[in-house]
């Protein structure tokens, strides 16, 4: 932490937090003005906000902030039928997570390989999240300009592999059961 340059901190904050804010702000403007009003924003959180890895202060702080942003957007969007939720993905298999296949530092000081899921599965989960509008129409149907679920968050019908309580317990050095 003491060796983290401010420029590196700022770069992570700019991408993870400021980027999410600016995208949400643009989406809000469009969703408020369209007819019918409303829509759904799904923010990209992280299990690291709940169970951080060592030496990840900037990433962890921004993912905590995403949760606050999501809750605030959800509240502020109510009058406009804008729902905002968050998905805490875990380890999606990308170039960024390749190092996890050889082992990453855990809270207990040991190196451990962490499971990863196919990034395409993550995309399918976001697309398939089914939320019904007050008129019973699928909010994610192609051609519909958005939709809400009355502020009720939608959840995948089955957990994604490589995420959830099991991976959180593994990061703490506990059995995934």
N, C-alpha and C. Protein backbone atom coordinates (compact mmCIF):
# COMPACT_ATOMS: atom_id res chain seq x y z
N UNK A 1 0.82 -1.19 0.00
CA UNK A 1 0.00 0.00 0.00
C UNK A 1 0.87 1.26 0.00
N UNK A 2 1.87 1.27 0.84
CA UNK A 2 2.71 2.46 0.93
C UNK A 2 3.51 2.71 -0.34
N UNK A 3 3.66 1.69 -1.20
CA UNK A 3 4.41 1.83 -2.44
C UNK A 3 3.52 2.13 -3.65
N UNK A 4 2.20 2.22 -3.44
CA UNK A 4 1.28 2.46 -4.55
C UNK A 4 1.35 3.94 -4.95
N UNK A 5 1.82 4.22 -6.16
CA UNK A 5 1.87 5.62 -6.59
C UNK A 5 0.44 6.18 -6.76
N UNK A 6 0.28 7.45 -6.45
CA UNK A 6 -1.03 8.08 -6.59
C UNK A 6 -1.55 7.94 -8.02
N UNK A 7 -0.68 8.03 -9.01
CA UNK A 7 -1.09 7.91 -10.41
C UNK A 7 -1.72 6.55 -10.68
N UNK A 8 -1.18 5.49 -10.08
CA UNK A 8 -1.75 4.15 -10.25
C UNK A 8 -3.12 4.07 -9.57
N UNK A 9 -3.20 4.63 -8.35
CA UNK A 9 -4.49 4.68 -7.64
C UNK A 9 -5.53 5.39 -8.51
N UNK A 10 -5.14 6.56 -9.02
CA UNK A 10 -6.07 7.38 -9.80
C UNK A 10 -6.51 6.68 -11.08
N UNK A 11 -5.61 5.95 -11.72
CA UNK A 11 -5.96 5.24 -12.95
C UNK A 11 -7.05 4.20 -12.68
N UNK A 12 -6.94 3.47 -11.58
CA UNK A 12 -7.95 2.46 -11.23
C UNK A 12 -9.28 3.14 -10.89
N UNK A 13 -9.23 4.22 -10.12
CA UNK A 13 -10.45 4.96 -9.77
C UNK A 13 -11.11 5.53 -11.03
N UNK A 14 -10.32 6.05 -11.94
CA UNK A 14 -10.88 6.63 -13.16
C UNK A 14 -11.60 5.57 -14.01
N UNK A 15 -11.02 4.41 -14.15
CA UNK A 15 -11.65 3.36 -14.95
C UNK A 15 -12.82 2.72 -14.22
N UNK A 16 -12.58 2.22 -13.03
CA UNK A 16 -13.60 1.42 -12.34
C UNK A 16 -14.75 2.24 -11.77
N UNK A 17 -14.48 3.40 -11.23
CA UNK A 17 -15.53 4.18 -10.59
C UNK A 17 -16.00 5.34 -11.45
N UNK A 18 -15.10 6.20 -11.87
CA UNK A 18 -15.52 7.34 -12.69
C UNK A 18 -16.13 6.88 -14.01
N UNK A 19 -15.58 5.83 -14.60
CA UNK A 19 -16.14 5.30 -15.84
C UNK A 19 -17.56 4.79 -15.64
N UNK A 20 -17.79 4.07 -14.55
CA UNK A 20 -19.14 3.56 -14.26
C UNK A 20 -20.11 4.71 -14.02
N UNK A 21 -19.66 5.73 -13.29
CA UNK A 21 -20.51 6.90 -13.04
C UNK A 21 -20.88 7.59 -14.34
N UNK A 22 -19.90 7.85 -15.20
CA UNK A 22 -20.17 8.57 -16.45
C UNK A 22 -21.10 7.78 -17.36
N UNK A 23 -20.93 6.47 -17.43
CA UNK A 23 -21.83 5.64 -18.23
C UNK A 23 -23.25 5.67 -17.65
N UNK A 24 -23.37 5.56 -16.33
CA UNK A 24 -24.69 5.59 -15.69
C UNK A 24 -25.35 6.95 -15.89
N UNK A 25 -24.58 8.01 -15.81
CA UNK A 25 -25.13 9.35 -15.99
C UNK A 25 -25.70 9.50 -17.40
N UNK A 26 -24.97 9.03 -18.41
CA UNK A 26 -25.46 9.10 -19.79
C UNK A 26 -26.71 8.23 -19.97
N UNK A 27 -26.70 7.04 -19.35
CA UNK A 27 -27.86 6.16 -19.45
C UNK A 27 -29.08 6.78 -18.77
N UNK A 28 -28.88 7.38 -17.60
CA UNK A 28 -29.98 8.04 -16.89
C UNK A 28 -30.62 9.10 -17.78
N UNK A 29 -29.80 9.92 -18.40
CA UNK A 29 -30.33 10.99 -19.25
C UNK A 29 -31.22 10.42 -20.35
N UNK A 30 -30.75 9.37 -21.00
CA UNK A 30 -31.52 8.76 -22.08
C UNK A 30 -32.79 8.10 -21.54
N UNK A 31 -32.67 7.37 -20.43
CA UNK A 31 -33.82 6.65 -19.89
C UNK A 31 -34.89 7.58 -19.33
N UNK A 32 -34.48 8.75 -18.83
CA UNK A 32 -35.44 9.74 -18.33
C UNK A 32 -36.23 10.37 -19.47
N UNK A 33 -35.57 10.55 -20.62
CA UNK A 33 -36.17 11.28 -21.73
C UNK A 33 -36.95 10.39 -22.69
N UNK A 34 -36.67 9.10 -22.72
CA UNK A 34 -37.32 8.24 -23.71
C UNK A 34 -38.78 8.00 -23.33
N UNK A 35 -39.55 7.50 -24.29
CA UNK A 35 -40.95 7.19 -24.05
C UNK A 35 -41.19 5.75 -24.50
N UNK A 36 -41.51 4.85 -23.59
CA UNK A 36 -41.76 5.08 -22.17
C UNK A 36 -40.45 5.28 -21.41
N UNK A 37 -40.55 5.97 -20.28
CA UNK A 37 -39.40 6.20 -19.43
C UNK A 37 -38.93 4.89 -18.82
N UNK A 38 -37.68 4.87 -18.42
CA UNK A 38 -37.18 3.74 -17.63
C UNK A 38 -36.13 2.92 -18.33
N UNK A 39 -35.62 1.97 -17.59
CA UNK A 39 -34.60 1.07 -18.10
C UNK A 39 -33.90 0.37 -16.96
N UNK A 40 -32.88 -0.37 -17.29
CA UNK A 40 -32.14 -1.14 -16.31
C UNK A 40 -30.65 -0.93 -16.54
N UNK A 41 -29.97 -0.65 -15.45
CA UNK A 41 -28.50 -0.53 -15.46
C UNK A 41 -27.96 -1.68 -14.62
N UNK A 42 -27.00 -2.41 -15.17
CA UNK A 42 -26.36 -3.50 -14.42
C UNK A 42 -24.89 -3.13 -14.27
N UNK A 43 -24.49 -2.85 -13.04
CA UNK A 43 -23.10 -2.49 -12.76
C UNK A 43 -22.25 -3.73 -12.53
N UNK A 44 -20.98 -3.60 -12.83
CA UNK A 44 -20.02 -4.68 -12.67
C UNK A 44 -19.30 -4.52 -11.34
N UNK A 45 -19.76 -5.27 -10.34
CA UNK A 45 -19.09 -5.27 -9.04
C UNK A 45 -18.02 -6.34 -9.02
N UNK A 46 -17.66 -6.77 -7.84
CA UNK A 46 -16.67 -7.82 -7.71
C UNK A 46 -16.77 -8.47 -6.34
N UNK A 47 -16.49 -9.75 -6.32
CA UNK A 47 -16.42 -10.45 -5.04
C UNK A 47 -15.29 -9.88 -4.18
N UNK A 48 -14.35 -9.19 -4.82
CA UNK A 48 -13.25 -8.57 -4.07
C UNK A 48 -13.73 -7.48 -3.12
N UNK A 49 -14.91 -6.92 -3.37
CA UNK A 49 -15.46 -5.94 -2.44
C UNK A 49 -15.84 -6.59 -1.12
N UNK A 50 -16.12 -7.88 -1.17
CA UNK A 50 -16.53 -8.63 0.03
C UNK A 50 -15.36 -9.39 0.65
N UNK A 51 -14.49 -9.90 -0.21
CA UNK A 51 -13.34 -10.69 0.24
C UNK A 51 -12.12 -10.24 -0.57
N UNK A 52 -11.45 -9.17 -0.13
CA UNK A 52 -10.35 -8.63 -0.93
C UNK A 52 -9.11 -9.51 -0.89
N UNK A 53 -8.31 -9.36 -1.92
CA UNK A 53 -6.99 -9.99 -1.94
C UNK A 53 -5.99 -9.01 -1.36
N UNK A 54 -4.90 -9.53 -0.83
CA UNK A 54 -3.83 -8.62 -0.40
C UNK A 54 -3.31 -7.78 -1.58
N UNK A 55 -2.85 -6.61 -1.27
CA UNK A 55 -2.21 -5.72 -2.24
C UNK A 55 -3.16 -5.29 -3.37
N UNK A 56 -4.42 -5.09 -3.03
CA UNK A 56 -5.40 -4.70 -4.05
C UNK A 56 -6.26 -3.53 -3.58
N UNK A 57 -5.65 -2.60 -2.84
CA UNK A 57 -6.42 -1.53 -2.21
C UNK A 57 -7.22 -0.69 -3.20
N UNK A 58 -6.65 -0.33 -4.33
CA UNK A 58 -7.37 0.53 -5.28
C UNK A 58 -8.55 -0.23 -5.90
N UNK A 59 -8.30 -1.44 -6.36
CA UNK A 59 -9.36 -2.24 -6.97
C UNK A 59 -10.48 -2.50 -5.96
N UNK A 60 -10.11 -2.93 -4.76
CA UNK A 60 -11.10 -3.25 -3.74
C UNK A 60 -11.91 -2.01 -3.37
N UNK A 61 -11.27 -0.89 -3.20
CA UNK A 61 -11.98 0.34 -2.83
C UNK A 61 -12.97 0.75 -3.92
N UNK A 62 -12.57 0.62 -5.17
CA UNK A 62 -13.49 1.01 -6.25
C UNK A 62 -14.67 0.06 -6.35
N UNK A 63 -14.45 -1.20 -6.07
CA UNK A 63 -15.57 -2.15 -6.14
C UNK A 63 -16.52 -1.97 -4.96
N UNK A 64 -16.02 -1.56 -3.81
CA UNK A 64 -16.91 -1.14 -2.72
C UNK A 64 -17.72 0.06 -3.17
N UNK A 65 -17.07 1.01 -3.82
CA UNK A 65 -17.75 2.21 -4.28
C UNK A 65 -18.82 1.90 -5.31
N UNK A 66 -18.60 0.90 -6.14
CA UNK A 66 -19.61 0.50 -7.13
C UNK A 66 -20.89 0.08 -6.42
N UNK A 67 -20.76 -0.62 -5.30
CA UNK A 67 -21.95 -1.02 -4.55
C UNK A 67 -22.72 0.22 -4.07
N UNK A 68 -22.02 1.21 -3.56
CA UNK A 68 -22.68 2.45 -3.15
C UNK A 68 -23.30 3.19 -4.32
N UNK A 69 -22.60 3.24 -5.43
CA UNK A 69 -23.13 3.87 -6.64
C UNK A 69 -24.40 3.15 -7.08
N UNK A 70 -24.37 1.83 -7.08
CA UNK A 70 -25.53 1.04 -7.50
C UNK A 70 -26.74 1.33 -6.61
N UNK A 71 -26.54 1.34 -5.31
CA UNK A 71 -27.65 1.61 -4.38
C UNK A 71 -28.20 3.02 -4.57
N UNK A 72 -27.33 3.99 -4.75
CA UNK A 72 -27.78 5.37 -4.96
C UNK A 72 -28.53 5.52 -6.28
N UNK A 73 -28.01 4.91 -7.34
CA UNK A 73 -28.69 4.98 -8.63
C UNK A 73 -30.06 4.31 -8.57
N UNK A 74 -30.12 3.19 -7.87
CA UNK A 74 -31.40 2.49 -7.73
C UNK A 74 -32.43 3.38 -7.04
N UNK A 75 -32.03 4.04 -5.99
CA UNK A 75 -32.93 4.95 -5.27
C UNK A 75 -33.31 6.16 -6.13
N UNK A 76 -32.31 6.79 -6.72
CA UNK A 76 -32.56 8.00 -7.52
C UNK A 76 -33.33 7.70 -8.80
N UNK A 77 -33.26 6.47 -9.28
CA UNK A 77 -33.95 6.11 -10.51
C UNK A 77 -35.42 5.77 -10.35
N UNK A 78 -35.86 5.54 -9.14
CA UNK A 78 -37.25 5.14 -8.92
C UNK A 78 -38.28 6.04 -9.57
N UNK A 79 -38.18 7.36 -9.42
CA UNK A 79 -39.21 8.21 -10.04
C UNK A 79 -39.26 8.11 -11.56
N UNK A 80 -38.21 7.59 -12.17
CA UNK A 80 -38.10 7.52 -13.63
C UNK A 80 -38.22 6.09 -14.15
N UNK A 81 -38.57 5.15 -13.27
CA UNK A 81 -38.67 3.73 -13.62
C UNK A 81 -37.31 3.17 -14.09
N UNK A 82 -36.23 3.67 -13.51
CA UNK A 82 -34.89 3.18 -13.81
C UNK A 82 -34.46 2.29 -12.65
N UNK A 83 -34.20 1.04 -12.96
CA UNK A 83 -33.71 0.10 -11.96
C UNK A 83 -32.21 -0.08 -12.14
N UNK A 84 -31.52 -0.23 -11.05
CA UNK A 84 -30.07 -0.44 -11.13
C UNK A 84 -29.71 -1.60 -10.23
N UNK A 85 -29.00 -2.55 -10.78
CA UNK A 85 -28.53 -3.71 -10.02
C UNK A 85 -27.04 -3.90 -10.24
N UNK A 86 -26.54 -4.92 -9.64
CA UNK A 86 -25.10 -5.17 -9.69
C UNK A 86 -24.87 -6.66 -9.76
N UNK A 87 -23.86 -7.06 -10.49
CA UNK A 87 -23.45 -8.45 -10.53
C UNK A 87 -22.00 -8.51 -10.04
N UNK A 88 -21.75 -9.31 -9.02
CA UNK A 88 -20.41 -9.51 -8.48
C UNK A 88 -19.88 -10.79 -9.09
N UNK A 89 -19.10 -10.65 -10.10
CA UNK A 89 -18.78 -11.76 -10.99
C UNK A 89 -17.84 -12.80 -10.41
N UNK A 90 -16.79 -12.42 -9.78
CA UNK A 90 -15.77 -13.40 -9.43
C UNK A 90 -14.71 -13.40 -10.51
N UNK A 91 -14.13 -14.54 -10.79
CA UNK A 91 -13.02 -14.63 -11.74
C UNK A 91 -13.49 -15.08 -13.11
N UNK A 92 -13.74 -14.14 -14.01
CA UNK A 92 -14.05 -14.47 -15.40
C UNK A 92 -12.71 -14.68 -16.11
N UNK A 93 -12.62 -15.72 -16.90
CA UNK A 93 -11.37 -16.06 -17.59
C UNK A 93 -11.08 -15.05 -18.70
N UNK A 94 -10.18 -14.13 -18.40
CA UNK A 94 -9.71 -13.13 -19.37
C UNK A 94 -8.20 -13.00 -19.20
N UNK A 95 -7.59 -12.16 -20.01
CA UNK A 95 -6.14 -11.93 -19.86
C UNK A 95 -5.83 -11.42 -18.46
N UNK A 96 -6.75 -10.64 -17.88
CA UNK A 96 -6.51 -10.07 -16.56
C UNK A 96 -6.44 -11.15 -15.47
N UNK A 97 -7.12 -12.26 -15.67
CA UNK A 97 -7.16 -13.30 -14.63
C UNK A 97 -6.25 -14.49 -14.93
N UNK A 98 -5.47 -14.43 -15.98
CA UNK A 98 -4.57 -15.55 -16.31
C UNK A 98 -3.64 -15.90 -15.16
N UNK A 99 -3.17 -14.90 -14.43
CA UNK A 99 -2.24 -15.14 -13.32
C UNK A 99 -2.87 -15.99 -12.23
N UNK A 100 -4.16 -16.03 -12.16
CA UNK A 100 -4.84 -16.80 -11.11
C UNK A 100 -4.71 -18.31 -11.34
N UNK A 101 -4.36 -18.69 -12.55
CA UNK A 101 -4.18 -20.10 -12.84
C UNK A 101 -2.84 -20.64 -12.32
N UNK A 102 -1.93 -19.73 -11.99
CA UNK A 102 -0.64 -20.14 -11.42
C UNK A 102 -0.56 -19.86 -9.93
N UNK A 103 -1.55 -19.16 -9.41
CA UNK A 103 -1.62 -18.89 -7.97
C UNK A 103 -1.49 -17.41 -7.67
N UNK A 104 -2.37 -16.93 -6.80
CA UNK A 104 -2.34 -15.54 -6.36
C UNK A 104 -2.34 -15.51 -4.83
N UNK A 105 -1.80 -14.44 -4.29
CA UNK A 105 -1.69 -14.29 -2.85
C UNK A 105 -3.07 -14.23 -2.21
N UNK A 106 -3.24 -14.99 -1.13
CA UNK A 106 -4.50 -15.05 -0.39
C UNK A 106 -4.37 -14.31 0.93
N UNK A 107 -5.50 -14.09 1.61
CA UNK A 107 -5.50 -13.36 2.87
C UNK A 107 -4.65 -14.04 3.94
N UNK A 108 -4.53 -15.37 3.85
CA UNK A 108 -3.75 -16.10 4.86
C UNK A 108 -2.27 -16.18 4.52
N UNK A 109 -1.86 -15.50 3.44
CA UNK A 109 -0.45 -15.45 3.07
C UNK A 109 0.01 -16.52 2.10
N UNK A 110 -0.82 -17.48 1.80
CA UNK A 110 -0.40 -18.53 0.86
C UNK A 110 -0.77 -18.16 -0.57
N UNK A 111 -0.11 -18.82 -1.52
CA UNK A 111 -0.47 -18.70 -2.93
C UNK A 111 -1.45 -19.81 -3.25
N UNK A 112 -2.51 -19.49 -3.97
CA UNK A 112 -3.49 -20.51 -4.33
C UNK A 112 -4.02 -20.23 -5.73
N UNK A 113 -4.22 -21.31 -6.47
CA UNK A 113 -4.88 -21.22 -7.77
C UNK A 113 -6.36 -20.96 -7.50
N UNK A 114 -6.94 -20.06 -8.26
CA UNK A 114 -8.36 -19.76 -8.13
C UNK A 114 -9.09 -20.17 -9.39
N UNK A 115 -10.27 -20.74 -9.25
CA UNK A 115 -11.04 -21.13 -10.43
C UNK A 115 -11.51 -19.90 -11.20
N UNK A 116 -11.73 -20.09 -12.47
CA UNK A 116 -12.25 -19.02 -13.32
C UNK A 116 -13.38 -19.58 -14.16
N UNK A 117 -14.29 -18.72 -14.54
CA UNK A 117 -15.40 -19.13 -15.39
C UNK A 117 -15.22 -18.50 -16.77
N UNK A 118 -15.86 -19.09 -17.74
CA UNK A 118 -15.81 -18.59 -19.10
C UNK A 118 -16.48 -17.22 -19.15
N UNK A 119 -15.80 -16.24 -19.72
CA UNK A 119 -16.36 -14.89 -19.81
C UNK A 119 -17.66 -14.88 -20.61
N UNK A 120 -17.81 -15.80 -21.57
CA UNK A 120 -19.06 -15.88 -22.33
C UNK A 120 -20.23 -16.26 -21.43
N UNK A 121 -19.97 -17.09 -20.40
CA UNK A 121 -21.03 -17.43 -19.44
C UNK A 121 -21.49 -16.20 -18.67
N UNK A 122 -20.55 -15.33 -18.34
CA UNK A 122 -20.89 -14.09 -17.65
C UNK A 122 -21.80 -13.25 -18.55
N UNK A 123 -21.41 -13.10 -19.81
CA UNK A 123 -22.22 -12.31 -20.75
C UNK A 123 -23.61 -12.89 -20.90
N UNK A 124 -23.69 -14.21 -21.02
CA UNK A 124 -25.01 -14.85 -21.15
C UNK A 124 -25.87 -14.63 -19.91
N UNK A 125 -25.25 -14.64 -18.75
CA UNK A 125 -26.00 -14.42 -17.51
C UNK A 125 -26.60 -13.02 -17.49
N UNK A 126 -25.81 -12.02 -17.88
CA UNK A 126 -26.32 -10.66 -17.90
C UNK A 126 -27.46 -10.53 -18.90
N UNK A 127 -27.28 -11.07 -20.09
CA UNK A 127 -28.31 -10.98 -21.13
C UNK A 127 -29.57 -11.73 -20.74
N UNK A 128 -29.43 -12.86 -20.08
CA UNK A 128 -30.59 -13.70 -19.75
C UNK A 128 -31.28 -13.35 -18.44
N UNK A 129 -30.76 -12.37 -17.75
CA UNK A 129 -31.43 -11.97 -16.50
C UNK A 129 -32.82 -11.53 -16.88
N UNK A 130 -33.80 -12.28 -16.42
CA UNK A 130 -35.18 -11.99 -16.79
C UNK A 130 -35.85 -11.14 -15.74
N UNK A 131 -36.30 -9.99 -16.17
CA UNK A 131 -37.02 -9.08 -15.29
C UNK A 131 -38.31 -8.72 -15.99
N UNK A 132 -39.39 -8.72 -15.27
CA UNK A 132 -40.68 -8.37 -15.85
C UNK A 132 -41.03 -6.94 -15.49
N UNK A 133 -41.58 -6.23 -16.45
CA UNK A 133 -42.05 -4.89 -16.18
C UNK A 133 -43.41 -4.98 -15.52
N UNK A 134 -43.93 -3.86 -15.08
CA UNK A 134 -45.24 -3.86 -14.44
C UNK A 134 -46.33 -4.34 -15.39
N UNK A 135 -46.11 -4.23 -16.71
CA UNK A 135 -47.11 -4.72 -17.65
C UNK A 135 -46.85 -6.17 -18.07
N UNK A 136 -45.88 -6.84 -17.40
CA UNK A 136 -45.62 -8.25 -17.64
C UNK A 136 -44.75 -8.54 -18.85
N UNK A 137 -44.21 -7.51 -19.48
CA UNK A 137 -43.39 -7.70 -20.67
C UNK A 137 -41.95 -7.93 -20.25
N UNK A 138 -41.27 -8.81 -20.97
CA UNK A 138 -39.86 -9.08 -20.68
C UNK A 138 -39.07 -7.80 -20.90
N UNK A 139 -38.41 -7.31 -19.85
CA UNK A 139 -37.70 -6.03 -19.91
C UNK A 139 -36.49 -6.08 -20.82
N UNK A 140 -35.96 -7.26 -21.11
CA UNK A 140 -34.77 -7.36 -21.94
C UNK A 140 -35.08 -7.81 -23.37
N UNK A 141 -36.36 -7.80 -23.74
CA UNK A 141 -36.74 -8.22 -25.09
C UNK A 141 -36.10 -7.29 -26.12
N UNK A 142 -35.51 -7.85 -27.18
CA UNK A 142 -34.92 -6.97 -28.19
C UNK A 142 -35.95 -5.98 -28.72
N UNK A 143 -35.52 -4.76 -28.91
CA UNK A 143 -36.39 -3.72 -29.43
C UNK A 143 -37.10 -2.91 -28.36
N UNK A 144 -37.13 -3.40 -27.14
CA UNK A 144 -37.76 -2.64 -26.06
C UNK A 144 -36.72 -1.65 -25.53
N UNK A 145 -37.09 -0.40 -25.33
CA UNK A 145 -36.10 0.60 -24.93
C UNK A 145 -35.74 0.56 -23.46
N UNK A 146 -35.80 -0.58 -22.84
CA UNK A 146 -35.45 -0.68 -21.43
C UNK A 146 -36.63 -1.27 -20.67
N UNK A 147 -36.58 -1.24 -19.40
CA UNK A 147 -37.66 -1.76 -18.58
C UNK A 147 -37.22 -1.77 -17.14
N UNK A 148 -38.15 -2.00 -16.27
CA UNK A 148 -37.81 -2.05 -14.87
C UNK A 148 -38.40 -3.30 -14.26
N UNK A 149 -37.98 -3.60 -13.10
CA UNK A 149 -38.55 -4.70 -12.35
C UNK A 149 -39.13 -4.14 -11.05
N UNK A 150 -39.65 -2.92 -11.11
CA UNK A 150 -40.23 -2.30 -9.94
C UNK A 150 -39.24 -2.11 -8.82
N UNK A 151 -37.96 -2.00 -9.16
CA UNK A 151 -36.94 -1.83 -8.14
C UNK A 151 -36.48 -3.14 -7.52
N UNK A 152 -37.09 -4.26 -7.90
CA UNK A 152 -36.71 -5.55 -7.36
C UNK A 152 -35.52 -6.09 -8.14
N UNK A 153 -34.42 -6.39 -7.49
CA UNK A 153 -33.27 -6.90 -8.22
C UNK A 153 -33.55 -8.29 -8.78
N UNK A 154 -33.04 -8.53 -9.96
CA UNK A 154 -33.15 -9.85 -10.56
C UNK A 154 -31.88 -10.63 -10.25
N UNK A 155 -31.99 -11.93 -10.13
CA UNK A 155 -30.83 -12.77 -9.87
C UNK A 155 -30.84 -13.91 -10.86
N UNK A 156 -29.66 -14.41 -11.23
CA UNK A 156 -29.62 -15.57 -12.11
C UNK A 156 -30.33 -16.75 -11.46
N UNK A 157 -30.93 -17.60 -12.29
CA UNK A 157 -31.64 -18.75 -11.74
C UNK A 157 -30.70 -19.80 -11.18
N UNK A 158 -29.45 -19.79 -11.60
CA UNK A 158 -28.47 -20.71 -11.03
C UNK A 158 -27.17 -19.95 -10.85
N UNK A 159 -26.40 -20.31 -9.84
CA UNK A 159 -25.14 -19.59 -9.62
C UNK A 159 -24.14 -19.87 -10.73
N UNK A 160 -23.33 -18.90 -11.00
CA UNK A 160 -22.26 -19.08 -11.99
C UNK A 160 -21.15 -19.93 -11.39
N UNK A 161 -20.52 -20.79 -12.19
CA UNK A 161 -19.39 -21.55 -11.67
C UNK A 161 -18.24 -20.60 -11.33
N UNK A 162 -17.57 -20.86 -10.22
CA UNK A 162 -16.41 -20.08 -9.86
C UNK A 162 -16.72 -18.81 -9.11
N UNK A 163 -17.98 -18.63 -8.66
CA UNK A 163 -18.29 -17.44 -7.88
C UNK A 163 -19.22 -17.83 -6.75
N UNK A 164 -19.50 -16.88 -5.91
CA UNK A 164 -20.40 -17.13 -4.80
C UNK A 164 -19.65 -17.48 -3.53
N UNK A 165 -20.36 -18.02 -2.54
CA UNK A 165 -19.76 -18.26 -1.23
C UNK A 165 -18.55 -19.19 -1.26
N UNK A 166 -18.54 -20.16 -2.18
CA UNK A 166 -17.42 -21.10 -2.24
C UNK A 166 -16.10 -20.41 -2.50
N UNK A 167 -16.07 -19.51 -3.49
CA UNK A 167 -14.81 -18.83 -3.79
C UNK A 167 -14.44 -17.87 -2.67
N UNK A 168 -15.44 -17.24 -2.05
CA UNK A 168 -15.14 -16.36 -0.93
C UNK A 168 -14.49 -17.15 0.21
N UNK A 169 -15.01 -18.32 0.49
CA UNK A 169 -14.44 -19.15 1.56
C UNK A 169 -13.03 -19.61 1.18
N UNK A 170 -12.81 -19.96 -0.09
CA UNK A 170 -11.47 -20.38 -0.52
C UNK A 170 -10.47 -19.25 -0.33
N UNK A 171 -10.87 -18.01 -0.66
CA UNK A 171 -9.96 -16.87 -0.49
C UNK A 171 -9.60 -16.66 0.96
N UNK A 172 -10.46 -17.05 1.86
CA UNK A 172 -10.17 -16.92 3.28
C UNK A 172 -9.41 -18.13 3.82
N UNK A 173 -9.09 -19.08 2.94
CA UNK A 173 -8.36 -20.27 3.36
C UNK A 173 -9.25 -21.32 3.99
N UNK A 174 -10.57 -21.25 3.75
CA UNK A 174 -11.52 -22.19 4.32
C UNK A 174 -12.00 -23.17 3.26
N UNK A 175 -12.62 -24.24 3.67
CA UNK A 175 -13.20 -25.20 2.75
C UNK A 175 -14.36 -24.54 2.03
N UNK A 176 -14.53 -24.80 0.71
CA UNK A 176 -15.61 -24.15 -0.03
C UNK A 176 -17.00 -24.61 0.39
N UNK A 177 -17.10 -25.67 1.14
CA UNK A 177 -18.42 -26.17 1.57
C UNK A 177 -19.06 -25.15 2.43
